[in-house]
Amino acid sequence: MAGVLNFSQYLGGPDQVNCEQVFPSDQRTLQYNFGHNITNWNFKVEQQVLVVDTVTFDRITGLPNFAASNIIGYFTATTIIDTSNDIGPGLIAVENTDAGIVNITLPTNMYTGPILADARVNVPINIVSVEWTDAGTPAQIASHRWAFIQCWEPGISPTTPVSTTTGYISIV
């Protein structure tokens, strides 16, 4: 992907993904409100860490700017939740089936590798895909993506993710 798509193009643009900076130890619950009955729906949450060469930030808003970012490597994707296969029990809670309210908890430490303390070069970014499938025939499948820029915190090795020998795959 490096040299073909920049990171913003790979993600699909700012209207199709929510992007936030987080610490690896953060845990959060996302609430989805579908506004109608979700009986027999299945949910799948997958994550993959991509490493981008550089990230800049807008001085006024503080938002990341991926215009010059390129993906230089990645770690293998994993499934966090899959209600059709009983993966991740306890991480998903249907609060109200009739109203379509679902709480999805993203666990801590989705990324456990090293992070540079300046968070500007060789930045690990967790891409989390939340996918839902309805009970219709044919089934309708839709998804939503989150990008979590991993920030250094005490207890994390302050080195570059590309130096790790466990799981990092370089794109050349």
N, C-alpha and C. Protein backbone atom coordinates (compact mmCIF):
# COMPACT_ATOMS: atom_id res chain seq x y z
N MET A 1 0.80 -1.19 0.00
CA MET A 1 0.00 0.00 0.00
C MET A 1 0.84 1.26 0.00
N ALA A 2 2.02 1.18 0.59
CA ALA A 2 2.88 2.36 0.61
C ALA A 2 3.19 2.77 -0.82
N GLY A 3 3.01 4.05 -1.11
CA GLY A 3 3.26 4.54 -2.45
C GLY A 3 2.04 4.46 -3.35
N VAL A 4 1.03 3.71 -2.96
CA VAL A 4 -0.18 3.59 -3.77
C VAL A 4 -1.29 4.44 -3.16
N LEU A 5 -1.57 4.23 -1.89
CA LEU A 5 -2.58 5.00 -1.18
C LEU A 5 -1.96 5.68 0.03
N ASN A 6 -2.35 6.92 0.28
CA ASN A 6 -1.93 7.46 1.56
C ASN A 6 -2.92 6.96 2.61
N PHE A 7 -2.64 7.19 3.87
CA PHE A 7 -3.43 6.62 4.94
C PHE A 7 -4.88 7.11 4.91
N SER A 8 -5.07 8.39 4.65
CA SER A 8 -6.42 8.95 4.59
C SER A 8 -7.24 8.29 3.48
N GLN A 9 -6.62 8.07 2.33
CA GLN A 9 -7.33 7.40 1.23
C GLN A 9 -7.64 5.95 1.58
N TYR A 10 -6.73 5.28 2.27
CA TYR A 10 -6.96 3.89 2.65
C TYR A 10 -8.16 3.77 3.58
N LEU A 11 -8.27 4.71 4.51
CA LEU A 11 -9.38 4.67 5.46
C LEU A 11 -10.71 5.04 4.81
N GLY A 12 -10.69 5.77 3.74
CA GLY A 12 -11.93 6.13 3.07
C GLY A 12 -12.36 7.56 3.31
N GLY A 13 -11.54 8.35 3.96
CA GLY A 13 -11.86 9.75 4.16
C GLY A 13 -12.49 10.00 5.52
N PRO A 14 -12.56 11.27 5.93
CA PRO A 14 -13.01 11.61 7.27
C PRO A 14 -14.49 11.34 7.52
N ASP A 15 -15.30 11.22 6.49
CA ASP A 15 -16.73 10.97 6.71
C ASP A 15 -17.05 9.52 6.98
N GLN A 16 -16.10 8.62 6.79
CA GLN A 16 -16.37 7.20 6.93
C GLN A 16 -15.66 6.56 8.10
N VAL A 17 -14.96 7.34 8.91
CA VAL A 17 -14.21 6.77 10.02
C VAL A 17 -14.12 7.81 11.15
N ASN A 18 -14.23 7.35 12.37
CA ASN A 18 -13.97 8.21 13.53
C ASN A 18 -12.53 7.98 13.95
N CYS A 19 -11.82 9.05 14.24
CA CYS A 19 -10.40 8.95 14.58
C CYS A 19 -10.15 9.63 15.92
N GLU A 20 -9.46 8.91 16.82
CA GLU A 20 -9.15 9.45 18.14
C GLU A 20 -7.77 9.00 18.57
N GLN A 21 -7.16 9.76 19.48
CA GLN A 21 -5.92 9.33 20.12
C GLN A 21 -6.29 8.65 21.42
N VAL A 22 -5.66 7.49 21.69
CA VAL A 22 -5.94 6.74 22.91
C VAL A 22 -4.64 6.17 23.47
N PHE A 23 -4.70 5.74 24.71
CA PHE A 23 -3.61 4.99 25.33
C PHE A 23 -3.93 3.51 25.18
N PRO A 24 -2.93 2.65 25.09
CA PRO A 24 -3.20 1.22 24.99
C PRO A 24 -4.05 0.68 26.14
N SER A 25 -3.94 1.29 27.33
CA SER A 25 -4.70 0.81 28.48
C SER A 25 -6.15 1.29 28.50
N ASP A 26 -6.53 2.15 27.54
CA ASP A 26 -7.92 2.63 27.49
C ASP A 26 -8.87 1.49 27.15
N GLN A 27 -10.03 1.53 27.78
CA GLN A 27 -11.14 0.64 27.42
C GLN A 27 -12.34 1.54 27.22
N ARG A 28 -13.14 1.25 26.21
CA ARG A 28 -14.29 2.11 25.98
C ARG A 28 -15.45 1.30 25.48
N THR A 29 -16.64 1.81 25.77
CA THR A 29 -17.86 1.19 25.29
C THR A 29 -18.49 2.12 24.26
N LEU A 30 -18.73 1.58 23.07
CA LEU A 30 -19.38 2.32 22.01
C LEU A 30 -20.87 1.96 22.04
N GLN A 31 -21.74 2.94 21.95
CA GLN A 31 -23.17 2.64 21.92
C GLN A 31 -23.71 2.95 20.53
N TYR A 32 -24.32 1.93 19.93
CA TYR A 32 -24.96 2.08 18.63
C TYR A 32 -26.46 2.07 18.83
N ASN A 33 -27.14 3.00 18.17
CA ASN A 33 -28.60 3.09 18.25
C ASN A 33 -29.14 2.98 16.82
N PHE A 34 -29.66 1.80 16.50
CA PHE A 34 -30.14 1.55 15.14
C PHE A 34 -31.56 2.06 14.93
N GLY A 35 -32.28 2.36 16.01
CA GLY A 35 -33.59 2.99 15.89
C GLY A 35 -34.71 2.05 15.46
N HIS A 36 -34.47 0.75 15.43
CA HIS A 36 -35.52 -0.22 15.12
C HIS A 36 -35.12 -1.59 15.64
N ASN A 37 -36.00 -2.53 15.57
CA ASN A 37 -35.80 -3.87 16.12
C ASN A 37 -34.59 -4.56 15.49
N ILE A 38 -33.76 -5.16 16.33
CA ILE A 38 -32.55 -5.83 15.85
C ILE A 38 -32.54 -7.32 16.25
N THR A 39 -33.70 -7.92 16.38
CA THR A 39 -33.80 -9.33 16.73
C THR A 39 -33.03 -10.18 15.72
N ASN A 40 -32.21 -11.09 16.22
CA ASN A 40 -31.41 -12.02 15.42
C ASN A 40 -30.30 -11.37 14.60
N TRP A 41 -29.91 -10.17 14.95
CA TRP A 41 -28.77 -9.56 14.28
C TRP A 41 -27.48 -10.15 14.84
N ASN A 42 -26.45 -10.18 14.02
CA ASN A 42 -25.12 -10.61 14.45
C ASN A 42 -24.16 -9.43 14.35
N PHE A 43 -23.21 -9.40 15.26
CA PHE A 43 -22.22 -8.33 15.31
C PHE A 43 -20.83 -8.93 15.28
N LYS A 44 -19.95 -8.27 14.55
CA LYS A 44 -18.56 -8.71 14.46
C LYS A 44 -17.66 -7.48 14.60
N VAL A 45 -16.66 -7.59 15.46
CA VAL A 45 -15.70 -6.51 15.66
C VAL A 45 -14.32 -7.09 15.43
N GLU A 46 -13.60 -6.50 14.48
CA GLU A 46 -12.24 -6.92 14.17
C GLU A 46 -11.31 -5.73 14.35
N GLN A 47 -10.04 -6.02 14.58
CA GLN A 47 -9.07 -4.94 14.70
C GLN A 47 -7.76 -5.36 14.06
N GLN A 48 -7.07 -4.35 13.55
CA GLN A 48 -5.74 -4.56 13.00
C GLN A 48 -4.94 -3.29 13.24
N VAL A 49 -3.68 -3.46 13.59
CA VAL A 49 -2.80 -2.32 13.81
C VAL A 49 -2.01 -2.08 12.53
N LEU A 50 -2.12 -0.85 12.03
CA LEU A 50 -1.32 -0.40 10.90
C LEU A 50 -0.28 0.58 11.44
N VAL A 51 0.87 0.61 10.84
CA VAL A 51 1.91 1.56 11.24
C VAL A 51 2.11 2.52 10.09
N VAL A 52 1.98 3.82 10.38
CA VAL A 52 2.18 4.85 9.36
C VAL A 52 3.50 5.56 9.63
N ASP A 53 4.12 6.03 8.54
CA ASP A 53 5.44 6.63 8.66
C ASP A 53 5.44 7.94 9.43
N THR A 54 4.44 8.77 9.22
CA THR A 54 4.40 10.07 9.89
C THR A 54 2.96 10.55 10.01
N VAL A 55 2.70 11.27 11.09
CA VAL A 55 1.40 11.90 11.30
C VAL A 55 1.66 13.33 11.75
N THR A 56 0.96 14.27 11.16
CA THR A 56 1.03 15.65 11.61
C THR A 56 -0.31 15.99 12.26
N PHE A 57 -0.31 17.07 13.04
CA PHE A 57 -1.52 17.47 13.73
C PHE A 57 -1.79 18.94 13.47
N ASP A 58 -3.05 19.31 13.27
CA ASP A 58 -3.45 20.69 13.08
C ASP A 58 -3.19 21.47 14.37
N ARG A 59 -2.51 22.58 14.27
CA ARG A 59 -2.14 23.35 15.46
C ARG A 59 -3.36 23.97 16.15
N ILE A 60 -4.41 24.24 15.42
CA ILE A 60 -5.58 24.89 16.01
C ILE A 60 -6.55 23.86 16.59
N THR A 61 -6.91 22.85 15.79
CA THR A 61 -7.91 21.87 16.25
C THR A 61 -7.29 20.69 16.98
N GLY A 62 -6.01 20.41 16.74
CA GLY A 62 -5.37 19.25 17.34
C GLY A 62 -5.69 17.95 16.63
N LEU A 63 -6.47 18.01 15.55
CA LEU A 63 -6.85 16.81 14.82
C LEU A 63 -5.70 16.29 13.97
N PRO A 64 -5.60 14.97 13.81
CA PRO A 64 -4.53 14.42 12.98
C PRO A 64 -4.75 14.73 11.52
N ASN A 65 -3.63 14.89 10.80
CA ASN A 65 -3.67 15.12 9.36
C ASN A 65 -2.88 14.00 8.71
N PHE A 66 -3.55 13.18 7.92
CA PHE A 66 -2.92 12.02 7.29
C PHE A 66 -2.55 12.28 5.83
N ALA A 67 -2.58 13.53 5.38
CA ALA A 67 -2.36 13.84 3.96
C ALA A 67 -1.01 13.32 3.45
N ALA A 68 0.01 13.32 4.29
CA ALA A 68 1.33 12.87 3.85
C ALA A 68 1.71 11.53 4.48
N SER A 69 0.75 10.85 5.12
CA SER A 69 1.04 9.59 5.82
C SER A 69 0.96 8.41 4.86
N ASN A 70 1.89 7.48 5.03
CA ASN A 70 1.88 6.25 4.25
C ASN A 70 1.97 5.06 5.19
N ILE A 71 1.28 4.00 4.84
CA ILE A 71 1.34 2.78 5.63
C ILE A 71 2.66 2.09 5.32
N ILE A 72 3.45 1.80 6.36
CA ILE A 72 4.75 1.17 6.16
C ILE A 72 4.78 -0.27 6.68
N GLY A 73 3.75 -0.65 7.44
CA GLY A 73 3.71 -2.00 7.98
C GLY A 73 2.43 -2.24 8.75
N TYR A 74 2.28 -3.47 9.24
CA TYR A 74 1.05 -3.83 9.95
C TYR A 74 1.28 -5.05 10.83
N PHE A 75 0.32 -5.31 11.68
CA PHE A 75 0.27 -6.51 12.49
C PHE A 75 -0.96 -7.29 12.05
N THR A 76 -0.98 -8.59 12.28
CA THR A 76 -2.07 -9.45 11.85
C THR A 76 -3.40 -9.02 12.47
N ALA A 77 -4.46 -9.08 11.69
CA ALA A 77 -5.80 -8.74 12.16
C ALA A 77 -6.32 -9.81 13.12
N THR A 78 -7.15 -9.38 14.07
CA THR A 78 -7.77 -10.31 15.01
C THR A 78 -9.25 -9.97 15.16
N THR A 79 -10.02 -10.99 15.51
CA THR A 79 -11.44 -10.79 15.78
C THR A 79 -11.62 -10.61 17.28
N ILE A 80 -12.28 -9.52 17.67
CA ILE A 80 -12.53 -9.22 19.07
C ILE A 80 -13.88 -9.80 19.49
N ILE A 81 -14.88 -9.58 18.65
CA ILE A 81 -16.25 -10.03 18.93
C ILE A 81 -16.83 -10.63 17.66
N ASP A 82 -17.51 -11.76 17.79
CA ASP A 82 -18.28 -12.33 16.69
C ASP A 82 -19.45 -13.08 17.31
N THR A 83 -20.61 -12.44 17.34
CA THR A 83 -21.75 -13.06 18.03
C THR A 83 -22.23 -14.32 17.33
N SER A 84 -21.91 -14.49 16.05
CA SER A 84 -22.33 -15.71 15.36
C SER A 84 -21.45 -16.90 15.74
N ASN A 85 -20.27 -16.64 16.32
CA ASN A 85 -19.35 -17.71 16.71
C ASN A 85 -18.97 -17.68 18.19
N ASP A 86 -19.72 -16.93 18.99
CA ASP A 86 -19.47 -16.82 20.44
C ASP A 86 -18.06 -16.37 20.79
N ILE A 87 -17.49 -15.46 20.00
CA ILE A 87 -16.18 -14.87 20.31
C ILE A 87 -16.43 -13.56 21.06
N GLY A 88 -15.72 -13.37 22.15
CA GLY A 88 -15.82 -12.12 22.91
C GLY A 88 -17.06 -12.00 23.75
N PRO A 89 -17.49 -13.08 24.43
CA PRO A 89 -18.68 -12.94 25.28
C PRO A 89 -18.45 -11.88 26.35
N GLY A 90 -19.45 -11.12 26.65
CA GLY A 90 -19.34 -10.07 27.65
C GLY A 90 -18.90 -8.73 27.09
N LEU A 91 -18.43 -8.72 25.85
CA LEU A 91 -17.99 -7.46 25.25
C LEU A 91 -19.10 -6.78 24.46
N ILE A 92 -20.22 -7.47 24.29
CA ILE A 92 -21.35 -6.90 23.57
C ILE A 92 -22.61 -7.09 24.41
N ALA A 93 -23.41 -6.04 24.50
CA ALA A 93 -24.63 -6.11 25.28
C ALA A 93 -25.74 -5.41 24.50
N VAL A 94 -26.76 -6.17 24.15
CA VAL A 94 -27.94 -5.57 23.52
C VAL A 94 -28.78 -5.01 24.65
N GLU A 95 -28.83 -3.69 24.74
CA GLU A 95 -29.55 -3.01 25.82
C GLU A 95 -31.05 -2.99 25.58
N ASN A 96 -31.46 -2.86 24.32
CA ASN A 96 -32.89 -2.80 24.00
C ASN A 96 -33.07 -3.31 22.58
N THR A 97 -33.57 -4.55 22.44
CA THR A 97 -33.73 -5.16 21.12
C THR A 97 -34.73 -4.39 20.26
N ASP A 98 -35.85 -3.99 20.85
CA ASP A 98 -36.88 -3.28 20.08
C ASP A 98 -36.41 -1.93 19.57
N ALA A 99 -35.65 -1.20 20.37
CA ALA A 99 -35.16 0.12 19.97
C ALA A 99 -33.85 0.03 19.21
N GLY A 100 -33.17 -1.14 19.24
CA GLY A 100 -31.92 -1.31 18.52
C GLY A 100 -30.72 -0.67 19.18
N ILE A 101 -30.67 -0.72 20.51
CA ILE A 101 -29.55 -0.12 21.23
C ILE A 101 -28.58 -1.22 21.66
N VAL A 102 -27.32 -1.08 21.22
CA VAL A 102 -26.29 -2.08 21.47
C VAL A 102 -25.05 -1.39 22.03
N ASN A 103 -24.50 -1.94 23.11
CA ASN A 103 -23.23 -1.47 23.67
C ASN A 103 -22.14 -2.46 23.30
N ILE A 104 -21.08 -1.96 22.70
CA ILE A 104 -19.94 -2.78 22.30
C ILE A 104 -18.73 -2.27 23.05
N THR A 105 -18.11 -3.14 23.86
CA THR A 105 -16.95 -2.75 24.65
C THR A 105 -15.68 -3.19 23.94
N LEU A 106 -14.82 -2.22 23.68
CA LEU A 106 -13.50 -2.50 23.11
C LEU A 106 -12.54 -2.68 24.27
N PRO A 107 -11.88 -3.83 24.34
CA PRO A 107 -11.04 -4.14 25.50
C PRO A 107 -9.74 -3.34 25.52
N THR A 108 -9.06 -3.38 26.66
CA THR A 108 -7.75 -2.74 26.78
C THR A 108 -6.73 -3.53 25.98
N ASN A 109 -5.61 -2.91 25.75
CA ASN A 109 -4.43 -3.55 25.16
C ASN A 109 -4.70 -4.25 23.83
N MET A 110 -5.47 -3.60 22.96
CA MET A 110 -5.62 -4.14 21.61
C MET A 110 -4.29 -4.05 20.86
N TYR A 111 -3.45 -3.09 21.28
CA TYR A 111 -2.07 -3.02 20.78
C TYR A 111 -1.15 -3.10 21.98
N THR A 112 -0.19 -4.02 21.95
CA THR A 112 0.69 -4.22 23.10
C THR A 112 2.16 -3.99 22.78
N GLY A 113 2.46 -3.49 21.60
CA GLY A 113 3.86 -3.31 21.21
C GLY A 113 4.41 -1.97 21.64
N PRO A 114 5.64 -1.68 21.19
CA PRO A 114 6.30 -0.42 21.55
C PRO A 114 5.70 0.78 20.80
N ILE A 115 5.88 1.94 21.41
CA ILE A 115 5.39 3.20 20.83
C ILE A 115 6.44 4.26 21.09
N LEU A 116 6.73 5.07 20.08
CA LEU A 116 7.62 6.20 20.29
C LEU A 116 6.88 7.27 21.09
N ALA A 117 7.56 7.87 22.03
CA ALA A 117 6.91 8.83 22.92
C ALA A 117 6.44 10.09 22.21
N ASP A 118 7.02 10.43 21.04
CA ASP A 118 6.60 11.67 20.37
C ASP A 118 5.35 11.49 19.50
N ALA A 119 4.95 10.27 19.23
CA ALA A 119 3.72 9.96 18.48
C ALA A 119 3.62 10.71 17.15
N ARG A 120 4.74 10.90 16.46
CA ARG A 120 4.73 11.59 15.17
C ARG A 120 5.28 10.72 14.04
N VAL A 121 6.17 9.78 14.37
CA VAL A 121 6.74 8.90 13.35
C VAL A 121 6.54 7.46 13.75
N ASN A 122 6.39 6.60 12.75
CA ASN A 122 6.16 5.16 12.97
C ASN A 122 5.04 4.96 13.99
N VAL A 123 3.91 5.52 13.69
CA VAL A 123 2.78 5.57 14.61
C VAL A 123 1.88 4.34 14.44
N PRO A 124 1.67 3.56 15.52
CA PRO A 124 0.72 2.45 15.44
C PRO A 124 -0.71 2.97 15.57
N ILE A 125 -1.56 2.55 14.65
CA ILE A 125 -2.96 2.97 14.66
C ILE A 125 -3.84 1.73 14.58
N ASN A 126 -4.68 1.54 15.59
CA ASN A 126 -5.64 0.43 15.58
C ASN A 126 -6.81 0.81 14.70
N ILE A 127 -7.08 0.00 13.70
CA ILE A 127 -8.28 0.17 12.90
C ILE A 127 -9.26 -0.87 13.41
N VAL A 128 -10.39 -0.40 13.91
CA VAL A 128 -11.41 -1.28 14.46
C VAL A 128 -12.64 -1.19 13.57
N SER A 129 -13.08 -2.33 13.09
CA SER A 129 -14.26 -2.40 12.23
C SER A 129 -15.41 -3.02 13.02
N VAL A 130 -16.52 -2.30 13.11
CA VAL A 130 -17.73 -2.81 13.74
C VAL A 130 -18.70 -3.14 12.60
N GLU A 131 -19.04 -4.42 12.48
CA GLU A 131 -19.90 -4.89 11.38
C GLU A 131 -21.18 -5.48 11.96
N TRP A 132 -22.30 -5.20 11.32
CA TRP A 132 -23.57 -5.79 11.75
C TRP A 132 -24.28 -6.39 10.56
N THR A 133 -24.95 -7.50 10.83
CA THR A 133 -25.70 -8.23 9.81
C THR A 133 -27.11 -8.42 10.31
N ASP A 134 -28.11 -8.02 9.50
CA ASP A 134 -29.49 -8.17 9.95
C ASP A 134 -30.01 -9.58 9.66
N ALA A 135 -31.24 -9.84 10.04
CA ALA A 135 -31.82 -11.18 9.90
C ALA A 135 -32.63 -11.30 8.61
N GLY A 136 -32.50 -10.37 7.69
CA GLY A 136 -33.28 -10.39 6.46
C GLY A 136 -32.78 -11.40 5.45
N THR A 137 -33.55 -11.55 4.38
CA THR A 137 -33.15 -12.41 3.27
C THR A 137 -33.24 -11.58 2.00
N PRO A 138 -32.15 -11.30 1.34
CA PRO A 138 -30.79 -11.61 1.78
C PRO A 138 -30.37 -10.70 2.94
N ALA A 139 -29.43 -11.18 3.72
CA ALA A 139 -28.94 -10.41 4.86
C ALA A 139 -28.29 -9.12 4.38
N GLN A 140 -28.54 -8.05 5.11
CA GLN A 140 -27.90 -6.77 4.82
C GLN A 140 -26.73 -6.61 5.78
N ILE A 141 -25.57 -6.29 5.25
CA ILE A 141 -24.36 -6.16 6.05
C ILE A 141 -23.84 -4.73 5.91
N ALA A 142 -23.53 -4.11 7.04
CA ALA A 142 -22.97 -2.76 7.03
C ALA A 142 -21.86 -2.71 8.08
N SER A 143 -20.99 -1.72 7.96
CA SER A 143 -19.91 -1.61 8.94
C SER A 143 -19.55 -0.15 9.18
N HIS A 144 -18.81 0.03 10.23
CA HIS A 144 -18.36 1.35 10.65
C HIS A 144 -16.93 1.18 11.15
N ARG A 145 -16.06 2.13 10.90
CA ARG A 145 -14.67 2.00 11.32
C ARG A 145 -14.24 3.08 12.28
N TRP A 146 -13.35 2.70 13.16
CA TRP A 146 -12.70 3.61 14.09
C TRP A 146 -11.20 3.51 13.88
N ALA A 147 -10.50 4.62 13.98
CA ALA A 147 -9.04 4.62 13.96
C ALA A 147 -8.58 5.17 15.30
N PHE A 148 -7.85 4.35 16.05
CA PHE A 148 -7.35 4.75 17.36
C PHE A 148 -5.83 4.90 17.27
N ILE A 149 -5.37 6.15 17.28
CA ILE A 149 -3.94 6.45 17.24
C ILE A 149 -3.38 6.12 18.63
N GLN A 150 -2.45 5.19 18.67
CA GLN A 150 -1.89 4.74 19.95
C GLN A 150 -0.86 5.75 20.46
N CYS A 151 -1.00 6.17 21.70
CA CYS A 151 -0.10 7.13 22.33
C CYS A 151 0.69 6.46 23.44
N TRP A 152 1.92 6.89 23.58
CA TRP A 152 2.79 6.32 24.60
C TRP A 152 2.29 6.67 25.99
N GLU A 153 2.41 5.71 26.91
CA GLU A 153 2.12 5.93 28.32
C GLU A 153 3.14 5.14 29.13
N PRO A 154 3.37 5.50 30.38
CA PRO A 154 4.32 4.74 31.20
C PRO A 154 3.98 3.25 31.21
N GLY A 155 5.02 2.45 31.15
CA GLY A 155 4.83 1.00 31.11
C GLY A 155 4.95 0.43 29.70
N ILE A 156 4.92 1.30 28.70
CA ILE A 156 5.07 0.89 27.30
C ILE A 156 6.52 1.15 26.90
N SER A 157 7.12 0.22 26.18
CA SER A 157 8.49 0.39 25.72
C SER A 157 8.57 1.58 24.77
N PRO A 158 9.37 2.63 25.09
CA PRO A 158 9.46 3.80 24.23
C PRO A 158 10.42 3.59 23.06
N THR A 159 10.05 2.68 22.18
CA THR A 159 10.82 2.43 20.97
C THR A 159 9.85 2.34 19.80
N THR A 160 10.39 2.26 18.62
CA THR A 160 9.56 2.24 17.42
C THR A 160 8.91 0.87 17.21
N PRO A 161 7.66 0.83 16.76
CA PRO A 161 7.00 -0.44 16.49
C PRO A 161 7.67 -1.25 15.39
N VAL A 162 8.39 -0.58 14.50
CA VAL A 162 9.03 -1.30 13.40
C VAL A 162 10.25 -2.09 13.86
N SER A 163 10.71 -1.84 15.09
CA SER A 163 11.87 -2.57 15.60
C SER A 163 11.48 -3.88 16.27
N THR A 164 10.19 -4.08 16.49
CA THR A 164 9.76 -5.29 17.16
C THR A 164 9.88 -6.50 16.24
N THR A 165 10.20 -7.61 16.81
CA THR A 165 10.32 -8.83 16.00
C THR A 165 9.08 -9.71 16.13
N THR A 166 8.14 -9.30 16.98
CA THR A 166 6.95 -10.11 17.23
C THR A 166 5.76 -9.58 16.45
N GLY A 167 5.53 -10.13 15.30
CA GLY A 167 4.31 -9.85 14.56
C GLY A 167 4.32 -8.71 13.58
N TYR A 168 5.31 -7.82 13.60
CA TYR A 168 5.32 -6.70 12.68
C TYR A 168 5.68 -7.18 11.28
N ILE A 169 4.88 -6.76 10.29
CA ILE A 169 5.12 -7.13 8.89
C ILE A 169 5.33 -5.84 8.11
N SER A 170 6.52 -5.67 7.57
CA SER A 170 6.87 -4.48 6.82
C SER A 170 6.30 -4.54 5.41
N ILE A 171 5.86 -3.40 4.92
CA ILE A 171 5.42 -3.29 3.53
C ILE A 171 6.55 -2.66 2.74
N VAL A 172 7.04 -3.37 1.76
CA VAL A 172 8.15 -2.85 0.95
C VAL A 172 7.74 -2.66 -0.47
